[in-house]
Amino acid sequence: MISYQNSKKILSKAIIKIQDENIKSMNSLNRVLSENIYSKMNYPSGNNAAFDGYAINSKDTKQIKKKLPQQFKIIGSVAAGAKPFKKRIEKFNTVEIMTGGIIPKGFDTIIPIEQIKFHPNKNKKKYIIIDKKVKKYDHVRFAGSDYKKNELVIKKNTIIQPNHILAFKTLGIKNIKVKKKINILFFSTGNEISNKDNIPDWKVRNSNSQYIRNLDKNFLFNFIDGGILKDHHQKLYKTKINRMLRSNINIIITSGAVSAGKFDYIPSVVRSFQLSNYFKSVSIRPGKPILFAKIKNNQKAIFGLPGNPMSSAACFRFFVYPYFEKILGLSAEKPIKAVLKNDFLKKKNFTRFAKSKLNTTKDGKIEVEILKGQESFRIKSFVKSNIWAILPSGKSKFKKGEIVDCYLPNQSNQALI
């Protein structure tokens, strides 16, 4: 049995290559960028109005005072999205302009509509009256003030979120290069596992498969359900691995049959292949029997998760997903730091993944409560939880007030960076 830290080192050295593909940027949610994205244009593309109002030349107001107001003749109107204004502009001219309208050449500042006085009146708007000097560039949004052409928009190895897609559309970026989604083939194991709704007492519903299937959008993979491997399916499992080696499957994941029981054949079948990296059993709770292997001279890997629901969920979160991060080129997740709300006792030499509840106090502190019911078969505490707290090896007593690392259970902490 190895430590959690050593198991992570093995995973980091057992990288498989994931290819790139070109896709439409509008269809890129939760994909990983393979290259930097640069703006193809200045944004805004032209100087435009930040408010509804009237555009003038600020030089025309140099001599204006309260006692010597000046009338500016209204010569037209500019709407957002309208073609450039072509009329000749003379001294003491103005145009009505809407928010987003391109400012005609010859004008350099905007007076908001709320500040405008009309002549002869609001119903007959022939002139605006200005009775003070106006500064240059008031309420002007300059071309390229947000993004300049060729400026970096999004760095490679970023998980694309809806705000990125908004930028793609705004800047006219239609196609992007991303990492292909990881293809995983998943098997549940054991004669006791059933996909039926109505089962006898000696059967177990196939919940691990459904849990991992429904993580696929949040954890960057395509889920392929391989079905259930029975207790005598050693040869069938070996056949499935051989087929994987010739397919577009990147990773096989099993749930169950990895411990030391009579029908726990997953380790022996996996070891029958030539492997470049391997571990079996890690000093963690829950999930100690976990297995990992990388096939030698092949871009394929295998995970064997324990069968208990919480062991399976924890091992996916803290072994499989970090492996995904590594092979997709993502940076390691940063933990949420939280103050422990209650004491907790564990085995000293084990890393503990604890089902927990995160909340914020009235004075803004982030607290985490480790819930009762930490056994690997208990799902009630998992339903109540909203975070995993990690309690590292090397100490057994964790006291109220200590700071611990926390990770979201059903999506990546990357979304918080």
Protein backbone atom coordinates (compact mmCIF):
# COMPACT_ATOMS: atom_id res chain seq x y z
CA MET A 1 0.00 0.00 0.00
CA ILE A 2 1.35 3.41 -0.97
CA SER A 3 0.62 6.91 0.25
CA TYR A 4 -1.79 9.25 -1.49
CA GLN A 5 1.10 11.57 -2.37
CA ASN A 6 3.08 8.74 -3.99
CA SER A 7 0.05 7.62 -5.95
CA LYS A 8 -0.30 11.14 -7.38
CA LYS A 9 3.36 11.06 -8.44
CA ILE A 10 2.78 7.83 -10.35
CA LEU A 11 -0.26 9.32 -12.07
CA SER A 12 1.71 12.41 -13.11
CA LYS A 13 4.35 10.22 -14.79
CA ALA A 14 1.84 8.01 -16.61
CA ILE A 15 0.49 10.58 -19.06
CA ILE A 16 -1.38 9.48 -22.18
CA LYS A 17 -1.65 11.78 -25.20
CA ILE A 18 -4.97 13.34 -26.14
CA GLN A 19 -5.27 14.70 -29.68
CA ASP A 20 -6.62 18.11 -30.75
CA GLU A 21 -9.60 18.91 -32.94
CA ASN A 22 -11.12 22.02 -34.53
CA ILE A 23 -14.68 22.86 -33.51
CA LYS A 24 -17.15 25.74 -33.73
CA SER A 25 -16.57 28.15 -30.87
CA MET A 26 -20.31 28.23 -30.14
CA ASN A 27 -20.15 24.50 -29.32
CA SER A 28 -17.10 24.68 -27.08
CA LEU A 29 -18.58 24.81 -23.57
CA ASN A 30 -16.43 22.89 -21.05
CA ARG A 31 -13.80 22.03 -23.65
CA VAL A 32 -10.08 22.70 -23.12
CA LEU A 33 -8.32 25.18 -25.41
CA SER A 34 -5.28 23.78 -27.22
CA GLU A 35 -3.90 27.15 -28.32
CA ASN A 36 -4.02 30.80 -27.31
CA ILE A 37 -6.93 32.82 -28.69
CA TYR A 38 -6.18 36.31 -30.02
CA SER A 39 -8.63 39.02 -31.01
CA LYS A 40 -9.07 39.38 -34.76
CA MET A 41 -10.30 42.96 -34.46
CA ASN A 42 -10.34 46.09 -32.36
CA TYR A 43 -13.23 46.08 -29.93
CA PRO A 44 -15.09 48.39 -29.97
CA SER A 45 -14.43 48.55 -33.72
CA GLY A 46 -14.95 52.34 -33.77
CA ASN A 47 -15.31 55.28 -31.39
CA ASN A 48 -18.89 55.18 -30.16
CA ALA A 49 -21.24 56.82 -27.68
CA ALA A 50 -21.45 55.54 -24.12
CA PHE A 51 -24.80 57.33 -23.57
CA ASP A 52 -27.78 58.57 -25.52
CA GLY A 53 -27.16 62.24 -26.16
CA TYR A 54 -25.66 64.73 -28.60
CA ALA A 55 -22.20 64.70 -30.20
CA ILE A 56 -20.29 67.96 -30.56
CA ASN A 57 -16.77 69.22 -31.19
CA SER A 58 -15.37 70.25 -27.80
CA LYS A 59 -13.28 73.02 -29.41
CA ASP A 60 -16.53 74.82 -30.24
CA THR A 61 -17.18 75.34 -26.51
CA LYS A 62 -13.88 77.03 -25.56
CA GLN A 63 -15.35 80.54 -25.32
CA ILE A 64 -18.76 79.54 -23.99
CA LYS A 65 -19.84 80.81 -20.57
CA LYS A 66 -23.02 80.78 -18.52
CA LYS A 67 -23.77 84.35 -19.56
CA LEU A 68 -22.80 83.67 -23.20
CA PRO A 69 -24.56 80.43 -24.19
CA GLN A 70 -24.27 79.04 -27.71
CA GLN A 71 -26.81 77.32 -29.94
CA PHE A 72 -25.66 74.17 -31.79
CA LYS A 73 -27.66 73.24 -34.85
CA ILE A 74 -29.01 69.67 -34.96
CA ILE A 75 -28.06 68.30 -38.40
CA GLY A 76 -29.03 64.65 -38.03
CA SER A 77 -29.28 61.53 -35.93
CA VAL A 78 -27.05 58.46 -35.49
CA ALA A 79 -28.50 55.20 -34.26
CA ALA A 80 -26.55 52.20 -33.00
CA GLY A 81 -25.83 49.98 -35.98
CA ALA A 82 -26.35 52.81 -38.50
CA LYS A 83 -23.93 53.38 -41.35
CA PRO A 84 -21.34 56.17 -40.85
CA PHE A 85 -22.71 59.71 -40.85
CA LYS A 86 -21.76 61.40 -44.16
CA LYS A 87 -23.09 64.99 -43.90
CA ARG A 88 -20.64 67.89 -43.88
CA ILE A 89 -19.99 69.14 -40.36
CA GLU A 90 -19.50 72.81 -39.63
CA LYS A 91 -18.79 74.84 -36.51
CA PHE A 92 -21.57 74.77 -33.90
CA ASN A 93 -23.15 71.64 -35.45
CA THR A 94 -24.39 68.66 -33.43
CA VAL A 95 -25.99 65.29 -34.09
CA GLU A 96 -28.28 63.27 -31.91
CA ILE A 97 -26.58 59.96 -31.11
CA MET A 98 -27.73 56.77 -29.43
CA THR A 99 -25.70 54.51 -27.14
CA GLY A 100 -23.35 52.47 -29.32
CA GLY A 101 -23.68 54.80 -32.30
CA ILE A 102 -20.43 55.49 -34.17
CA ILE A 103 -19.30 59.08 -33.51
CA PRO A 104 -19.05 61.01 -36.81
CA LYS A 105 -15.66 62.48 -37.72
CA GLY A 106 -15.46 66.07 -36.55
CA PHE A 107 -17.09 65.35 -33.19
CA ASP A 108 -15.15 64.25 -30.12
CA THR A 109 -17.43 64.34 -27.09
CA ILE A 110 -20.97 63.42 -26.02
CA ILE A 111 -23.40 65.41 -23.88
CA PRO A 112 -25.92 63.04 -22.25
CA ILE A 113 -29.57 63.60 -23.14
CA GLU A 114 -30.40 64.40 -19.50
CA GLN A 115 -28.22 67.53 -19.67
CA ILE A 116 -29.59 68.90 -22.93
CA LYS A 117 -31.64 72.12 -23.31
CA PHE A 118 -33.46 72.53 -26.62
CA HIS A 119 -34.38 75.56 -28.71
CA PRO A 120 -37.04 76.58 -29.36
CA ASN A 121 -38.45 73.72 -27.18
CA LYS A 122 -38.61 69.94 -26.69
CA ASN A 123 -41.34 69.59 -29.29
CA LYS A 124 -39.40 71.54 -31.93
CA LYS A 125 -35.79 70.40 -31.56
CA LYS A 126 -33.80 72.58 -33.96
CA TYR A 127 -30.91 73.52 -31.67
CA ILE A 128 -29.31 72.50 -28.40
CA ILE A 129 -28.10 75.20 -26.01
CA ILE A 130 -24.69 74.88 -24.34
CA ASP A 131 -23.74 77.32 -21.60
CA LYS A 132 -20.37 76.00 -20.44
CA LYS A 133 -17.08 74.65 -21.73
CA VAL A 134 -17.26 70.88 -22.45
CA LYS A 135 -14.30 68.55 -22.04
CA LYS A 136 -12.95 66.47 -24.88
CA TYR A 137 -13.82 62.74 -24.98
CA ASP A 138 -16.62 62.82 -22.42
CA HIS A 139 -18.74 59.66 -22.66
CA VAL A 140 -16.75 58.27 -25.60
CA ARG A 141 -15.93 54.56 -25.91
CA PHE A 142 -12.75 54.38 -27.96
CA ALA A 143 -11.98 51.86 -30.69
CA GLY A 144 -9.85 49.05 -29.26
CA SER A 145 -10.29 50.24 -25.67
CA ASP A 146 -11.48 46.77 -24.60
CA TYR A 147 -9.54 44.52 -26.98
CA LYS A 148 -6.97 45.56 -29.53
CA LYS A 149 -6.40 43.52 -32.66
CA ASN A 150 -4.05 40.56 -31.96
CA GLU A 151 -4.41 40.99 -28.18
CA LEU A 152 -4.58 37.76 -26.15
CA VAL A 153 -8.16 36.92 -25.22
CA ILE A 154 -7.92 33.47 -23.60
CA LYS A 155 -4.85 31.38 -22.80
CA LYS A 156 -4.51 27.80 -23.95
CA ASN A 157 -5.31 25.05 -21.43
CA THR A 158 -8.35 27.00 -20.23
CA ILE A 159 -11.71 25.30 -19.69
CA ILE A 160 -14.16 27.26 -21.82
CA GLN A 161 -17.06 28.80 -19.90
CA PRO A 162 -20.14 30.77 -21.09
CA ASN A 163 -18.33 34.12 -20.59
CA HIS A 164 -15.63 32.93 -23.00
CA ILE A 165 -18.25 32.02 -25.60
CA LEU A 166 -19.70 35.53 -25.27
CA ALA A 167 -16.22 36.90 -26.11
CA PHE A 168 -15.84 34.54 -29.08
CA LYS A 169 -19.10 35.73 -30.58
CA THR A 170 -18.42 39.42 -29.87
CA LEU A 171 -14.96 39.25 -31.45
CA GLY A 172 -15.98 37.15 -34.46
CA ILE A 173 -13.99 34.05 -33.47
CA LYS A 174 -15.81 31.21 -35.21
CA ASN A 175 -13.48 28.22 -34.98
CA ILE A 176 -11.08 27.14 -32.25
CA LYS A 177 -8.74 24.23 -31.53
CA VAL A 178 -9.49 22.18 -28.42
CA LYS A 179 -8.45 18.91 -26.83
CA LYS A 180 -10.63 16.00 -27.83
CA LYS A 181 -12.89 14.76 -25.08
CA ILE A 182 -11.53 11.78 -23.18
CA ASN A 183 -13.41 8.59 -24.03
CA ILE A 184 -13.94 6.32 -21.03
CA LEU A 185 -15.43 2.84 -21.12
CA PHE A 186 -17.08 2.05 -17.79
CA PHE A 187 -17.92 -1.35 -16.31
CA SER A 188 -19.67 -2.18 -13.07
CA THR A 189 -18.71 -5.57 -11.63
CA GLY A 190 -20.35 -8.22 -9.48
CA ASN A 191 -23.26 -10.65 -9.59
CA GLU A 192 -25.05 -8.45 -7.06
CA ILE A 193 -25.20 -5.40 -9.39
CA SER A 194 -28.48 -4.86 -11.23
CA ASN A 195 -29.87 -2.28 -13.66
CA LYS A 196 -33.44 -3.18 -12.72
CA ASP A 197 -35.69 -0.90 -10.66
CA ASN A 198 -37.28 -3.68 -8.58
CA ILE A 199 -34.64 -5.86 -6.96
CA PRO A 200 -34.54 -8.46 -4.15
CA ASP A 201 -32.63 -7.83 -0.91
CA TRP A 202 -29.51 -9.60 -2.15
CA LYS A 203 -29.06 -7.33 -5.17
CA VAL A 204 -27.67 -3.76 -5.45
CA ARG A 205 -28.79 -1.10 -7.93
CA ASN A 206 -26.11 0.10 -10.33
CA SER A 207 -25.73 3.61 -8.89
CA ASN A 208 -21.97 4.08 -9.44
CA SER A 209 -22.44 3.88 -13.19
CA GLN A 210 -25.22 6.48 -13.14
CA TYR A 211 -23.25 8.83 -10.88
CA ILE A 212 -20.16 8.88 -13.11
CA ARG A 213 -22.27 9.04 -16.30
CA ASN A 214 -23.85 12.26 -15.04
CA LEU A 215 -20.48 13.88 -14.33
CA ASP A 216 -19.49 13.83 -17.99
CA LYS A 217 -20.39 17.46 -18.80
CA ASN A 218 -18.58 18.79 -15.72
CA PHE A 219 -15.49 16.58 -15.96
CA LEU A 220 -14.56 16.71 -19.65
CA PHE A 221 -15.19 13.16 -20.87
CA ASN A 222 -17.45 11.00 -22.99
CA PHE A 223 -19.06 8.18 -21.00
CA ILE A 224 -19.55 4.80 -22.66
CA ASP A 225 -21.43 2.25 -20.58
CA GLY A 226 -19.87 -1.19 -20.98
CA GLY A 227 -22.49 -2.87 -18.81
CA ILE A 228 -21.95 -5.25 -15.91
CA LEU A 229 -19.11 -7.75 -15.60
CA LYS A 230 -20.15 -10.81 -13.60
CA ASP A 231 -18.01 -12.69 -11.08
CA HIS A 232 -16.80 -15.18 -13.72
CA HIS A 233 -16.06 -12.65 -16.48
CA GLN A 234 -12.25 -12.59 -16.23
CA LYS A 235 -11.79 -13.62 -19.87
CA LEU A 236 -14.44 -11.18 -21.03
CA TYR A 237 -12.73 -8.32 -19.20
CA LYS A 238 -9.38 -9.24 -20.75
CA THR A 239 -11.05 -9.26 -24.17
CA LYS A 240 -12.48 -5.79 -23.48
CA ILE A 241 -9.01 -4.44 -22.66
CA ASN A 242 -7.57 -5.93 -25.85
CA ARG A 243 -10.35 -4.28 -27.87
CA MET A 244 -9.68 -0.97 -26.13
CA LEU A 245 -6.07 -1.11 -27.33
CA ARG A 246 -7.34 -1.05 -30.94
CA SER A 247 -10.13 1.50 -30.42
CA ASN A 248 -10.59 5.22 -29.71
CA ILE A 249 -11.20 4.46 -26.01
CA ASN A 250 -8.64 6.27 -23.87
CA ILE A 251 -9.40 4.88 -20.42
CA ILE A 252 -11.23 1.85 -19.00
CA ILE A 253 -12.77 2.36 -15.57
CA THR A 254 -14.27 -0.43 -13.48
CA SER A 255 -16.20 -0.24 -10.24
CA GLY A 256 -15.76 -3.15 -7.83
CA ALA A 257 -13.71 -6.39 -7.85
CA VAL A 258 -10.41 -4.67 -6.93
CA SER A 259 -9.95 -5.79 -3.32
CA ALA A 260 -8.70 -9.19 -2.14
CA GLY A 261 -11.83 -11.33 -2.23
CA LYS A 262 -12.48 -14.57 -4.12
CA PHE A 263 -14.08 -12.82 -7.09
CA ASP A 264 -11.88 -9.70 -7.16
CA TYR A 265 -10.20 -10.50 -10.48
CA ILE A 266 -9.61 -6.98 -11.85
CA PRO A 267 -5.99 -6.67 -10.53
CA SER A 268 -4.87 -10.07 -11.85
CA VAL A 269 -6.34 -9.43 -15.31
CA VAL A 270 -4.74 -5.97 -15.50
CA ARG A 271 -1.34 -7.32 -14.42
CA SER A 272 -1.44 -9.86 -17.26
CA PHE A 273 -0.75 -6.96 -19.64
CA GLN A 274 2.59 -5.22 -20.08
CA LEU A 275 2.39 -2.10 -17.92
CA SER A 276 4.63 0.93 -17.64
CA ASN A 277 3.03 2.29 -14.47
CA TYR A 278 0.94 0.58 -11.80
CA PHE A 279 -0.31 0.86 -8.24
CA LYS A 280 -2.81 -1.06 -6.18
CA SER A 281 -4.10 0.01 -2.75
CA VAL A 282 -3.50 3.49 -1.35
CA SER A 283 -3.58 4.60 2.29
CA ILE A 284 -6.82 6.56 1.95
CA ARG A 285 -10.34 6.45 3.35
CA PRO A 286 -12.65 5.80 1.64
CA GLY A 287 -11.35 3.91 -1.39
CA LYS A 288 -8.21 2.09 -0.23
CA PRO A 289 -8.31 -0.74 -2.86
CA ILE A 290 -8.08 1.63 -5.85
CA LEU A 291 -6.02 0.46 -8.83
CA PHE A 292 -4.31 2.32 -11.67
CA ALA A 293 -2.33 1.06 -14.65
CA LYS A 294 -0.92 2.48 -17.86
CA ILE A 295 -0.45 0.07 -20.74
CA LYS A 296 3.17 -0.04 -21.91
CA ASN A 297 3.87 1.44 -25.37
CA ASN A 298 0.22 2.45 -25.74
CA GLN A 299 -1.76 5.62 -25.01
CA LYS A 300 -4.28 3.78 -22.81
CA ALA A 301 -4.89 3.66 -19.07
CA ILE A 302 -7.04 1.68 -16.62
CA PHE A 303 -8.62 2.62 -13.30
CA GLY A 304 -10.16 0.11 -10.92
CA LEU A 305 -12.46 1.90 -8.47
CA PRO A 306 -13.87 0.24 -5.33
CA GLY A 307 -17.50 -0.88 -5.41
CA ASN A 308 -18.87 0.96 -2.39
CA PRO A 309 -20.65 4.10 -3.61
CA MET A 310 -18.67 6.63 -1.58
CA SER A 311 -15.36 4.89 -2.26
CA SER A 312 -16.11 4.97 -5.97
CA ALA A 313 -17.18 8.64 -5.89
CA ALA A 314 -14.15 9.74 -3.83
CA CYS A 315 -11.67 7.84 -6.00
CA PHE A 316 -13.12 9.29 -9.19
CA ARG A 317 -12.88 12.78 -7.72
CA PHE A 318 -9.34 12.52 -6.32
CA PHE A 319 -7.64 10.11 -8.73
CA VAL A 320 -9.45 9.96 -12.05
CA TYR A 321 -10.25 13.65 -12.40
CA PRO A 322 -6.74 14.91 -11.47
CA TYR A 323 -5.48 12.47 -14.10
CA PHE A 324 -7.83 14.06 -16.64
CA GLU A 325 -6.45 17.47 -15.69
CA LYS A 326 -2.90 16.30 -16.28
CA ILE A 327 -3.45 14.72 -19.68
CA LEU A 328 -5.53 17.69 -20.90
CA GLY A 329 -2.81 20.15 -19.89
CA LEU A 330 -4.83 21.87 -17.18
CA SER A 331 -3.22 23.38 -14.12
CA ALA A 332 -3.85 21.57 -10.85
CA GLU A 333 -6.99 22.64 -9.01
CA LYS A 334 -6.63 25.06 -6.15
CA PRO A 335 -8.43 24.02 -2.96
CA ILE A 336 -11.01 26.13 -1.18
CA LYS A 337 -9.55 26.97 2.23
CA ALA A 338 -12.07 26.66 5.06
CA VAL A 339 -12.07 26.81 8.84
CA LEU A 340 -12.99 23.49 10.46
CA LYS A 341 -16.24 23.78 12.40
CA ASN A 342 -15.89 20.58 14.45
CA ASP A 343 -13.23 18.20 15.74
CA PHE A 344 -12.47 15.06 13.73
CA LEU A 345 -10.40 11.95 14.47
CA LYS A 346 -8.88 9.64 11.86
CA LYS A 347 -6.07 7.12 11.38
CA LYS A 348 -2.74 8.93 11.38
CA ASN A 349 -1.18 7.37 8.28
CA PHE A 350 -4.26 7.66 6.07
CA THR A 351 -5.51 10.56 3.96
CA ARG A 352 -9.20 11.07 4.61
CA PHE A 353 -11.76 12.35 2.10
CA ALA A 354 -14.58 13.59 4.30
CA LYS A 355 -18.16 14.33 3.23
CA SER A 356 -18.69 17.85 4.50
CA LYS A 357 -20.89 20.95 4.49
CA LEU A 358 -19.43 24.32 3.48
CA ASN A 359 -21.04 27.58 4.59
CA THR A 360 -20.24 31.24 5.14
CA THR A 361 -20.58 32.94 8.53
CA LYS A 362 -22.15 36.36 9.08
CA ASP A 363 -18.71 37.92 9.30
CA GLY A 364 -17.63 36.41 5.98
CA LYS A 365 -15.57 33.41 7.11
CA ILE A 366 -15.77 30.15 5.14
CA GLU A 367 -16.48 27.24 7.49
CA VAL A 368 -16.66 23.52 6.83
CA GLU A 369 -18.45 20.95 8.97
CA ILE A 370 -17.45 17.30 8.65
CA LEU A 371 -20.73 15.41 8.66
CA LYS A 372 -21.68 12.31 10.59
CA GLY A 373 -21.91 9.08 8.59
CA GLN A 374 -18.51 8.89 6.92
CA GLU A 375 -18.68 5.14 6.21
CA SER A 376 -18.28 4.31 2.52
CA PHE A 377 -21.73 2.70 2.18
CA ARG A 378 -23.60 5.75 3.57
CA ILE A 379 -25.10 8.02 0.93
CA LYS A 380 -27.28 10.17 3.24
CA SER A 381 -24.30 12.26 4.34
CA PHE A 382 -23.22 12.60 0.69
CA VAL A 383 -26.67 13.94 -0.22
CA LYS A 384 -26.40 16.49 2.61
CA SER A 385 -22.85 17.48 1.71
CA ASN A 386 -21.72 20.14 -0.75
CA ILE A 387 -17.93 19.69 -0.45
CA TRP A 388 -15.17 17.13 0.14
CA ALA A 389 -12.71 18.08 2.89
CA ILE A 390 -9.25 16.51 2.62
CA LEU A 391 -7.53 15.62 5.88
CA PRO A 392 -3.93 14.66 5.05
CA SER A 393 -1.88 11.84 6.50
CA GLY A 394 0.63 12.50 9.24
CA LYS A 395 -1.79 13.44 12.01
CA SER A 396 -4.88 11.90 13.52
CA LYS A 397 -6.55 14.76 15.42
CA PHE A 398 -8.05 17.70 13.58
CA LYS A 399 -9.41 20.40 15.86
CA LYS A 400 -12.11 22.98 15.44
CA GLY A 401 -10.59 26.19 14.04
CA GLU A 402 -7.94 24.51 11.86
CA ILE A 403 -7.85 25.37 8.15
CA VAL A 404 -8.43 22.46 5.74
CA ASP A 405 -8.51 22.04 1.95
CA CYS A 406 -11.89 21.50 0.28
CA TYR A 407 -13.00 20.45 -3.21
CA LEU A 408 -16.37 20.64 -4.93
CA PRO A 409 -17.89 17.16 -5.27
CA ASN A 410 -19.63 17.27 -8.65
CA GLN A 411 -17.59 19.80 -10.61
CA SER A 412 -14.08 21.14 -10.78
CA ASN A 413 -12.66 23.85 -8.55
CA GLN A 414 -11.25 25.22 -11.84
CA ALA A 415 -14.58 27.04 -12.26
CA LEU A 416 -13.71 29.15 -9.19
CA ILE A 417 -10.29 30.32 -10.40
